[in-house]
Amino acid sequence: MRHLKQEFDKLSFKEVLISGLAVFTMAAGITLLFTGLFLPPEGEIHASVLTAFGSICIFVASLLGISIHYDNELDKFKANVRERLDEIVPRDNV
């Protein structure tokens, strides 16, 4: 459990906000599905509820996917800058 707490402490506010929003939105979508299941006619989920849940899933995926994409792009940019700096000013192997 400590390991998870240490990993959570490393996250920035933006990452925590995005993950929290994704979890909250997905929980709202699942609640919507179950509510639709128990409203009349019972046992049948209306097509509009399924469409709304699909939209929620797409929104959550875009939140998580965009942040992962830009984190990877930032890492590539940093590596590229380091390479160019090493070409200009080589480090001494002391």
PDB file of N, CA and C in Angstrom:
ATOM      1  N   MET A   1       0.817  -1.189   0.000  1.00  0.00           N
ATOM      2  CA  MET A   1       0.000   0.000   0.000  1.00  0.00           C
ATOM      3  C   MET A   1       0.867   1.263   0.000  1.00  0.00           C
ATOM      4  N   ARG A   2       2.012   1.201   0.648  1.00  0.00           N
ATOM      5  CA  ARG A   2       2.892   2.363   0.659  1.00  0.00           C
ATOM      6  C   ARG A   2       3.358   2.717  -0.735  1.00  0.00           C
ATOM      7  N   HIS A   3       3.629   1.681  -1.525  1.00  0.00           N
ATOM      8  CA  HIS A   3       4.091   1.918  -2.888  1.00  0.00           C
ATOM      9  C   HIS A   3       3.063   2.725  -3.679  1.00  0.00           C
ATOM     10  N   LEU A   4       1.795   2.386  -3.536  1.00  0.00           N
ATOM     11  CA  LEU A   4       0.742   3.126  -4.233  1.00  0.00           C
ATOM     12  C   LEU A   4       0.670   4.567  -3.753  1.00  0.00           C
ATOM     13  N   LYS A   5       0.822   4.781  -2.451  1.00  0.00           N
ATOM     14  CA  LYS A   5       0.802   6.136  -1.918  1.00  0.00           C
ATOM     15  C   LYS A   5       1.978   6.948  -2.453  1.00  0.00           C
ATOM     16  N   GLN A   6       3.148   6.336  -2.559  1.00  0.00           N
ATOM     17  CA  GLN A   6       4.319   7.037  -3.094  1.00  0.00           C
ATOM     18  C   GLN A   6       4.106   7.394  -4.557  1.00  0.00           C
ATOM     19  N   GLU A   7       3.535   6.482  -5.323  1.00  0.00           N
ATOM     20  CA  GLU A   7       3.267   6.761  -6.729  1.00  0.00           C
ATOM     21  C   GLU A   7       2.221   7.857  -6.876  1.00  0.00           C
ATOM     22  N   PHE A   8       1.210   7.845  -6.017  1.00  0.00           N
ATOM     23  CA  PHE A   8       0.173   8.878  -6.057  1.00  0.00           C
ATOM     24  C   PHE A   8       0.748  10.240  -5.701  1.00  0.00           C
ATOM     25  N   ASP A   9       1.675  10.276  -4.756  1.00  0.00           N
ATOM     26  CA  ASP A   9       2.290  11.544  -4.360  1.00  0.00           C
ATOM     27  C   ASP A   9       3.135  12.150  -5.477  1.00  0.00           C
ATOM     28  N   LYS A  10       3.611  11.332  -6.408  1.00  0.00           N
ATOM     29  CA  LYS A  10       4.419  11.828  -7.522  1.00  0.00           C
ATOM     30  C   LYS A  10       3.584  12.535  -8.593  1.00  0.00           C
ATOM     31  N   LEU A  11       2.281  12.294  -8.592  1.00  0.00           N
ATOM     32  CA  LEU A  11       1.414  12.860  -9.625  1.00  0.00           C
ATOM     33  C   LEU A  11       1.248  14.366  -9.437  1.00  0.00           C
ATOM     34  N   SER A  12       1.139  15.060 -10.553  1.00  0.00           N
ATOM     35  CA  SER A  12       0.882  16.500 -10.489  1.00  0.00           C
ATOM     36  C   SER A  12      -0.615  16.731 -10.242  1.00  0.00           C
ATOM     37  N   PHE A  13      -0.951  17.976  -9.922  1.00  0.00           N
ATOM     38  CA  PHE A  13      -2.359  18.319  -9.683  1.00  0.00           C
ATOM     39  C   PHE A  13      -3.200  18.048 -10.925  1.00  0.00           C
ATOM     40  N   LYS A  14      -2.652  18.351 -12.090  1.00  0.00           N
ATOM     41  CA  LYS A  14      -3.374  18.137 -13.348  1.00  0.00           C
ATOM     42  C   LYS A  14      -3.687  16.658 -13.558  1.00  0.00           C
ATOM     43  N   GLU A  15      -2.709  15.787 -13.289  1.00  0.00           N
ATOM     44  CA  GLU A  15      -2.924  14.352 -13.468  1.00  0.00           C
ATOM     45  C   GLU A  15      -3.973  13.817 -12.489  1.00  0.00           C
ATOM     46  N   VAL A  16      -3.925  14.317 -11.252  1.00  0.00           N
ATOM     47  CA  VAL A  16      -4.916  13.899 -10.250  1.00  0.00           C
ATOM     48  C   VAL A  16      -6.302  14.379 -10.657  1.00  0.00           C
ATOM     49  N   LEU A  17      -6.394  15.617 -11.147  1.00  0.00           N
ATOM     50  CA  LEU A  17      -7.675  16.165 -11.578  1.00  0.00           C
ATOM     51  C   LEU A  17      -8.251  15.368 -12.747  1.00  0.00           C
ATOM     52  N   ILE A  18      -7.427  15.058 -13.736  1.00  0.00           N
ATOM     53  CA  ILE A  18      -7.902  14.297 -14.901  1.00  0.00           C
ATOM     54  C   ILE A  18      -8.351  12.903 -14.488  1.00  0.00           C
ATOM     55  N   SER A  19      -7.566  12.235 -13.654  1.00  0.00           N
ATOM     56  CA  SER A  19      -7.941  10.887 -13.221  1.00  0.00           C
ATOM     57  C   SER A  19      -9.208  10.914 -12.368  1.00  0.00           C
ATOM     58  N   GLY A  20      -9.314  11.896 -11.488  1.00  0.00           N
ATOM     59  CA  GLY A  20     -10.518  12.013 -10.663  1.00  0.00           C
ATOM     60  C   GLY A  20     -11.755  12.287 -11.495  1.00  0.00           C
ATOM     61  N   LEU A  21     -11.610  13.179 -12.471  1.00  0.00           N
ATOM     62  CA  LEU A  21     -12.739  13.480 -13.357  1.00  0.00           C
ATOM     63  C   LEU A  21     -13.134  12.253 -14.172  1.00  0.00           C
ATOM     64  N   ALA A  22     -12.155  11.484 -14.617  1.00  0.00           N
ATOM     65  CA  ALA A  22     -12.455  10.275 -15.386  1.00  0.00           C
ATOM     66  C   ALA A  22     -13.203   9.254 -14.531  1.00  0.00           C
ATOM     67  N   VAL A  23     -12.760   9.060 -13.298  1.00  0.00           N
ATOM     68  CA  VAL A  23     -13.430   8.097 -12.410  1.00  0.00           C
ATOM     69  C   VAL A  23     -14.844   8.566 -12.081  1.00  0.00           C
ATOM     70  N   PHE A  24     -14.997   9.852 -11.758  1.00  0.00           N
ATOM     71  CA  PHE A  24     -16.327  10.391 -11.433  1.00  0.00           C
ATOM     72  C   PHE A  24     -17.283  10.267 -12.616  1.00  0.00           C
ATOM     73  N   THR A  25     -16.802  10.597 -13.809  1.00  0.00           N
ATOM     74  CA  THR A  25     -17.656  10.547 -14.993  1.00  0.00           C
ATOM     75  C   THR A  25     -18.048   9.114 -15.327  1.00  0.00           C
ATOM     76  N   MET A  26     -17.110   8.183 -15.193  1.00  0.00           N
ATOM     77  CA  MET A  26     -17.424   6.786 -15.473  1.00  0.00           C
ATOM     78  C   MET A  26     -18.415   6.237 -14.445  1.00  0.00           C
ATOM     79  N   ALA A  27     -18.267   6.626 -13.181  1.00  0.00           N
ATOM     80  CA  ALA A  27     -19.224   6.194 -12.147  1.00  0.00           C
ATOM     81  C   ALA A  27     -20.615   6.760 -12.447  1.00  0.00           C
ATOM     82  N   ALA A  28     -20.681   7.999 -12.919  1.00  0.00           N
ATOM     83  CA  ALA A  28     -21.970   8.586 -13.285  1.00  0.00           C
ATOM     84  C   ALA A  28     -22.601   7.826 -14.454  1.00  0.00           C
ATOM     85  N   GLY A  29     -21.786   7.418 -15.416  1.00  0.00           N
ATOM     86  CA  GLY A  29     -22.302   6.654 -16.550  1.00  0.00           C
ATOM     87  C   GLY A  29     -22.838   5.290 -16.140  1.00  0.00           C
ATOM     88  N   ILE A  30     -22.123   4.618 -15.250  1.00  0.00           N
ATOM     89  CA  ILE A  30     -22.585   3.309 -14.780  1.00  0.00           C
ATOM     90  C   ILE A  30     -23.859   3.463 -13.955  1.00  0.00           C
ATOM     91  N   THR A  31     -23.928   4.519 -13.154  1.00  0.00           N
ATOM     92  CA  THR A  31     -25.157   4.791 -12.399  1.00  0.00           C
ATOM     93  C   THR A  31     -26.324   5.041 -13.347  1.00  0.00           C
ATOM     94  N   LEU A  32     -26.059   5.769 -14.412  1.00  0.00           N
ATOM     95  CA  LEU A  32     -27.086   6.024 -15.424  1.00  0.00           C
ATOM     96  C   LEU A  32     -27.588   4.714 -16.032  1.00  0.00           C
ATOM     97  N   LEU A  33     -26.667   3.792 -16.334  1.00  0.00           N
ATOM     98  CA  LEU A  33     -27.083   2.503 -16.891  1.00  0.00           C
ATOM     99  C   LEU A  33     -27.967   1.727 -15.924  1.00  0.00           C
ATOM    100  N   PHE A  34     -27.548   1.636 -14.666  1.00  0.00           N
ATOM    101  CA  PHE A  34     -28.337   0.879 -13.698  1.00  0.00           C
ATOM    102  C   PHE A  34     -29.672   1.546 -13.407  1.00  0.00           C
ATOM    103  N   THR A  35     -29.712   2.865 -13.391  1.00  0.00           N
ATOM    104  CA  THR A  35     -30.979   3.567 -13.197  1.00  0.00           C
ATOM    105  C   THR A  35     -31.921   3.282 -14.360  1.00  0.00           C
ATOM    106  N   GLY A  36     -31.374   3.296 -15.569  1.00  0.00           N
ATOM    107  CA  GLY A  36     -32.186   2.989 -16.743  1.00  0.00           C
ATOM    108  C   GLY A  36     -32.701   1.563 -16.751  1.00  0.00           C
ATOM    109  N   LEU A  37     -31.973   0.680 -16.092  1.00  0.00           N
ATOM    110  CA  LEU A  37     -32.384  -0.724 -16.037  1.00  0.00           C
ATOM    111  C   LEU A  37     -33.597  -0.923 -15.132  1.00  0.00           C
ATOM    112  N   PHE A  38     -33.716  -0.123 -14.085  1.00  0.00           N
ATOM    113  CA  PHE A  38     -34.790  -0.319 -13.112  1.00  0.00           C
ATOM    114  C   PHE A  38     -35.996   0.595 -13.317  1.00  0.00           C
ATOM    115  N   LEU A  39     -35.913   1.538 -14.224  1.00  0.00           N
ATOM    116  CA  LEU A  39     -37.066   2.384 -14.526  1.00  0.00           C
ATOM    117  C   LEU A  39     -37.987   1.643 -15.498  1.00  0.00           C
ATOM    118  N   PRO A  40     -39.285   1.980 -15.506  1.00  0.00           N
ATOM    119  CA  PRO A  40     -40.202   1.294 -16.416  1.00  0.00           C
ATOM    120  C   PRO A  40     -39.832   1.538 -17.874  1.00  0.00           C
ATOM    121  N   PRO A  41     -39.911   0.621 -18.751  1.00  0.00           N
ATOM    122  CA  PRO A  41     -40.140  -0.804 -18.534  1.00  0.00           C
ATOM    123  C   PRO A  41     -38.897  -1.463 -17.948  1.00  0.00           C
ATOM    124  N   GLU A  42     -39.090  -2.173 -16.847  1.00  0.00           N
ATOM    125  CA  GLU A  42     -37.979  -2.778 -16.124  1.00  0.00           C
ATOM    126  C   GLU A  42     -37.289  -3.834 -16.978  1.00  0.00           C
ATOM    127  N   GLY A  43     -35.974  -3.857 -16.859  1.00  0.00           N
ATOM    128  CA  GLY A  43     -35.176  -4.855 -17.573  1.00  0.00           C
ATOM    129  C   GLY A  43     -34.760  -4.417 -18.956  1.00  0.00           C
ATOM    130  N   GLU A  44     -35.200  -3.267 -19.390  1.00  0.00           N
ATOM    131  CA  GLU A  44     -34.850  -2.775 -20.728  1.00  0.00           C
ATOM    132  C   GLU A  44     -34.180  -1.405 -20.587  1.00  0.00           C
ATOM    133  N   ILE A  45     -33.009  -1.278 -21.173  1.00  0.00           N
ATOM    134  CA  ILE A  45     -32.305   0.003 -21.146  1.00  0.00           C
ATOM    135  C   ILE A  45     -32.619   0.726 -22.449  1.00  0.00           C
ATOM    136  N   HIS A  46     -33.118   1.933 -22.346  1.00  0.00           N
ATOM    137  CA  HIS A  46     -33.507   2.717 -23.521  1.00  0.00           C
ATOM    138  C   HIS A  46     -32.274   3.070 -24.347  1.00  0.00           C
ATOM    139  N   ALA A  47     -32.469   3.224 -25.635  1.00  0.00           N
ATOM    140  CA  ALA A  47     -31.364   3.529 -26.548  1.00  0.00           C
ATOM    141  C   ALA A  47     -30.692   4.860 -26.212  1.00  0.00           C
ATOM    142  N   SER A  48     -31.451   5.819 -25.705  1.00  0.00           N
ATOM    143  CA  SER A  48     -30.856   7.110 -25.350  1.00  0.00           C
ATOM    144  C   SER A  48     -29.887   6.970 -24.172  1.00  0.00           C
ATOM    145  N   VAL A  49     -30.195   6.054 -23.246  1.00  0.00           N
ATOM    146  CA  VAL A  49     -29.292   5.811 -22.117  1.00  0.00           C
ATOM    147  C   VAL A  49     -27.999   5.170 -22.619  1.00  0.00           C
ATOM    148  N   LEU A  50     -28.123   4.243 -23.525  1.00  0.00           N
ATOM    149  CA  LEU A  50     -26.926   3.606 -24.088  1.00  0.00           C
ATOM    150  C   LEU A  50     -26.085   4.603 -24.882  1.00  0.00           C
ATOM    151  N   THR A  51     -26.730   5.494 -25.586  1.00  0.00           N
ATOM    152  CA  THR A  51     -26.012   6.533 -26.332  1.00  0.00           C
ATOM    153  C   THR A  51     -25.286   7.474 -25.377  1.00  0.00           C
ATOM    154  N   ALA A  52     -25.948   7.856 -24.307  1.00  0.00           N
ATOM    155  CA  ALA A  52     -25.312   8.732 -23.313  1.00  0.00           C
ATOM    156  C   ALA A  52     -24.121   8.034 -22.672  1.00  0.00           C
ATOM    157  N   PHE A  53     -24.255   6.745 -22.358  1.00  0.00           N
ATOM    158  CA  PHE A  53     -23.140   6.005 -21.763  1.00  0.00           C
ATOM    159  C   PHE A  53     -21.978   5.902 -22.748  1.00  0.00           C
ATOM    160  N   GLY A  54     -22.270   5.690 -24.009  1.00  0.00           N
ATOM    161  CA  GLY A  54     -21.218   5.656 -25.022  1.00  0.00           C
ATOM    162  C   GLY A  54     -20.484   6.984 -25.111  1.00  0.00           C
ATOM    163  N   SER A  55     -21.226   8.068 -25.050  1.00  0.00           N
ATOM    164  CA  SER A  55     -20.607   9.400 -25.074  1.00  0.00           C
ATOM    165  C   SER A  55     -19.726   9.620 -23.848  1.00  0.00           C
ATOM    166  N   ILE A  56     -20.180   9.145 -22.704  1.00  0.00           N
ATOM    167  CA  ILE A  56     -19.393   9.269 -21.478  1.00  0.00           C
ATOM    168  C   ILE A  56     -18.094   8.476 -21.604  1.00  0.00           C
ATOM    169  N   CYS A  57     -18.183   7.276 -22.136  1.00  0.00           N
ATOM    170  CA  CYS A  57     -16.968   6.456 -22.315  1.00  0.00           C
ATOM    171  C   CYS A  57     -15.978   7.128 -23.264  1.00  0.00           C
ATOM    172  N   ILE A  58     -16.481   7.719 -24.325  1.00  0.00           N
ATOM    173  CA  ILE A  58     -15.606   8.424 -25.266  1.00  0.00           C
ATOM    174  C   ILE A  58     -14.954   9.624 -24.591  1.00  0.00           C
ATOM    175  N   PHE A  59     -15.714  10.352 -23.775  1.00  0.00           N
ATOM    176  CA  PHE A  59     -15.166  11.508 -23.064  1.00  0.00           C
ATOM    177  C   PHE A  59     -14.049  11.084 -22.115  1.00  0.00           C
ATOM    178  N   VAL A  60     -14.276  10.026 -21.344  1.00  0.00           N
ATOM    179  CA  VAL A  60     -13.265   9.544 -20.408  1.00  0.00           C
ATOM    180  C   VAL A  60     -12.022   9.068 -21.152  1.00  0.00           C
ATOM    181  N   ALA A  61     -12.226   8.344 -22.237  1.00  0.00           N
ATOM    182  CA  ALA A  61     -11.078   7.864 -23.022  1.00  0.00           C
ATOM    183  C   ALA A  61     -10.285   9.029 -23.598  1.00  0.00           C
ATOM    184  N   SER A  62     -10.975  10.065 -24.026  1.00  0.00           N
ATOM    185  CA  SER A  62     -10.256  11.218 -24.578  1.00  0.00           C
ATOM    186  C   SER A  62      -9.488  11.948 -23.487  1.00  0.00           C
ATOM    187  N   LEU A  63     -10.042  12.046 -22.283  1.00  0.00           N
ATOM    188  CA  LEU A  63      -9.319  12.673 -21.175  1.00  0.00           C
ATOM    189  C   LEU A  63      -8.024  11.934 -20.888  1.00  0.00           C
ATOM    190  N   LEU A  64      -8.135  10.629 -20.763  1.00  0.00           N
ATOM    191  CA  LEU A  64      -6.958   9.837 -20.427  1.00  0.00           C
ATOM    192  C   LEU A  64      -6.000   9.729 -21.602  1.00  0.00           C
ATOM    193  N   GLY A  65      -6.515   9.597 -22.800  1.00  0.00           N
ATOM    194  CA  GLY A  65      -5.664   9.451 -23.982  1.00  0.00           C
ATOM    195  C   GLY A  65      -4.891  10.704 -24.318  1.00  0.00           C
ATOM    196  N   ILE A  66      -5.525  11.861 -24.173  1.00  0.00           N
ATOM    197  CA  ILE A  66      -4.848  13.113 -24.485  1.00  0.00           C
ATOM    198  C   ILE A  66      -3.701  13.342 -23.510  1.00  0.00           C
ATOM    199  N   SER A  67      -3.917  13.099 -22.237  1.00  0.00           N
ATOM    200  CA  SER A  67      -2.848  13.338 -21.267  1.00  0.00           C
ATOM    201  C   SER A  67      -1.683  12.384 -21.502  1.00  0.00           C
ATOM    202  N   ILE A  68      -1.957  11.142 -21.827  1.00  0.00           N
ATOM    203  CA  ILE A  68      -0.883  10.182 -22.093  1.00  0.00           C
ATOM    204  C   ILE A  68      -0.111  10.581 -23.341  1.00  0.00           C
ATOM    205  N   HIS A  69      -0.814  11.006 -24.378  1.00  0.00           N
ATOM    206  CA  HIS A  69      -0.160  11.401 -25.621  1.00  0.00           C
ATOM    207  C   HIS A  69       0.803  12.566 -25.398  1.00  0.00           C
ATOM    208  N   TYR A  70       0.326  13.596 -24.707  1.00  0.00           N
ATOM    209  CA  TYR A  70       1.172  14.765 -24.517  1.00  0.00           C
ATOM    210  C   TYR A  70       2.307  14.511 -23.526  1.00  0.00           C
ATOM    211  N   ASP A  71       2.129  13.598 -22.588  1.00  0.00           N
ATOM    212  CA  ASP A  71       3.250  13.219 -21.723  1.00  0.00           C
ATOM    213  C   ASP A  71       4.351  12.559 -22.544  1.00  0.00           C
ATOM    214  N   ASN A  72       3.959  11.689 -23.472  1.00  0.00           N
ATOM    215  CA  ASN A  72       4.939  11.037 -24.338  1.00  0.00           C
ATOM    216  C   ASN A  72       5.628  12.035 -25.251  1.00  0.00           C
ATOM    217  N   GLU A  73       4.881  12.976 -25.790  1.00  0.00           N
ATOM    218  CA  GLU A  73       5.470  14.004 -26.650  1.00  0.00           C
ATOM    219  C   GLU A  73       6.465  14.865 -25.876  1.00  0.00           C
ATOM    220  N   LEU A  74       6.140  15.193 -24.648  1.00  0.00           N
ATOM    221  CA  LEU A  74       7.041  15.987 -23.821  1.00  0.00           C
ATOM    222  C   LEU A  74       8.330  15.221 -23.533  1.00  0.00           C
ATOM    223  N   ASP A  75       8.217  13.925 -23.256  1.00  0.00           N
ATOM    224  CA  ASP A  75       9.408  13.114 -23.025  1.00  0.00           C
ATOM    225  C   ASP A  75      10.293  13.059 -24.267  1.00  0.00           C
ATOM    226  N   LYS A  76       9.685  12.928 -25.445  1.00  0.00           N
ATOM    227  CA  LYS A  76      10.459  12.927 -26.692  1.00  0.00           C
ATOM    228  C   LYS A  76      11.168  14.261 -26.895  1.00  0.00           C
ATOM    229  N   PHE A  77      10.479  15.343 -26.603  1.00  0.00           N
ATOM    230  CA  PHE A  77      11.065  16.679 -26.753  1.00  0.00           C
ATOM    231  C   PHE A  77      12.254  16.864 -25.815  1.00  0.00           C
ATOM    232  N   LYS A  78      12.106  16.433 -24.576  1.00  0.00           N
ATOM    233  CA  LYS A  78      13.199  16.546 -23.617  1.00  0.00           C
ATOM    234  C   LYS A  78      14.409  15.733 -24.064  1.00  0.00           C
ATOM    235  N   ALA A  79      14.173  14.521 -24.558  1.00  0.00           N
ATOM    236  CA  ALA A  79      15.282  13.685 -25.036  1.00  0.00           C
ATOM    237  C   ALA A  79      15.980  14.342 -26.227  1.00  0.00           C
ATOM    238  N   ASN A  80      15.213  14.939 -27.116  1.00  0.00           N
ATOM    239  CA  ASN A  80      15.771  15.610 -28.280  1.00  0.00           C
ATOM    240  C   ASN A  80      16.622  16.808 -27.863  1.00  0.00           C
ATOM    241  N   VAL A  81      16.154  17.576 -26.903  1.00  0.00           N
ATOM    242  CA  VAL A  81      16.918  18.734 -26.415  1.00  0.00           C
ATOM    243  C   VAL A  81      18.207  18.266 -25.752  1.00  0.00           C
ATOM    244  N   ARG A  82      18.151  17.191 -24.968  1.00  0.00           N
ATOM    245  CA  ARG A  82      19.361  16.668 -24.327  1.00  0.00           C
ATOM    246  C   ARG A  82      20.383  16.229 -25.364  1.00  0.00           C
ATOM    247  N   GLU A  83      19.921  15.540 -26.409  1.00  0.00           N
ATOM    248  CA  GLU A  83      20.833  15.106 -27.476  1.00  0.00           C
ATOM    249  C   GLU A  83      21.529  16.294 -28.125  1.00  0.00           C
ATOM    250  N   ARG A  84      20.770  17.310 -28.442  1.00  0.00           N
ATOM    251  CA  ARG A  84      21.350  18.493 -29.093  1.00  0.00           C
ATOM    252  C   ARG A  84      22.297  19.238 -28.174  1.00  0.00           C
ATOM    253  N   LEU A  85      21.967  19.311 -26.903  1.00  0.00           N
ATOM    254  CA  LEU A  85      22.877  19.947 -25.953  1.00  0.00           C
ATOM    255  C   LEU A  85      24.166  19.150 -25.808  1.00  0.00           C
ATOM    256  N   ASP A  86      24.066  17.825 -25.835  1.00  0.00           N
ATOM    257  CA  ASP A  86      25.266  16.990 -25.748  1.00  0.00           C
ATOM    258  C   ASP A  86      26.141  17.148 -26.987  1.00  0.00           C
ATOM    259  N   GLU A  87      25.518  17.398 -28.125  1.00  0.00           N
ATOM    260  CA  GLU A  87      26.308  17.648 -29.345  1.00  0.00           C
ATOM    261  C   GLU A  87      27.081  18.970 -29.239  1.00  0.00           C
ATOM    262  N   ILE A  88      26.451  19.962 -28.663  1.00  0.00           N
ATOM    263  CA  ILE A  88      27.073  21.272 -28.559  1.00  0.00           C
ATOM    264  C   ILE A  88      28.116  21.283 -27.432  1.00  0.00           C
ATOM    265  N   VAL A  89      27.721  20.802 -26.264  1.00  0.00           N
ATOM    266  CA  VAL A  89      28.592  20.790 -25.108  1.00  0.00           C
ATOM    267  C   VAL A  89      28.717  19.357 -24.623  1.00  0.00           C
ATOM    268  N   PRO A  90      29.733  18.623 -25.089  1.00  0.00           N
ATOM    269  CA  PRO A  90      29.855  17.227 -24.658  1.00  0.00           C
ATOM    270  C   PRO A  90      30.225  17.146 -23.164  1.00  0.00           C
ATOM    271  N   ARG A  91      29.702  16.147 -22.523  1.00  0.00           N
ATOM    272  CA  ARG A  91      29.987  15.943 -21.100  1.00  0.00           C
ATOM    273  C   ARG A  91      31.312  15.203 -20.973  1.00  0.00           C
ATOM    274  N   ASP A  92      32.094  15.558 -19.969  1.00  0.00           N
ATOM    275  CA  ASP A  92      33.372  14.874 -19.717  1.00  0.00           C
ATOM    276  C   ASP A  92      33.103  13.599 -18.943  1.00  0.00           C
ATOM    277  N   ASN A  93      33.742  12.547 -19.358  1.00  0.00           N
ATOM    278  CA  ASN A  93      33.612  11.261 -18.650  1.00  0.00           C
ATOM    279  C   ASN A  93      34.693  11.196 -17.588  1.00  0.00           C
ATOM    280  N   VAL A  94      34.412  11.772 -16.460  1.00  0.00           N
ATOM    281  CA  VAL A  94      35.401  11.848 -15.383  1.00  0.00           C
ATOM    282  C   VAL A  94      35.141  10.778 -14.365  1.00  0.00           C
TER     283      VAL A  94
END
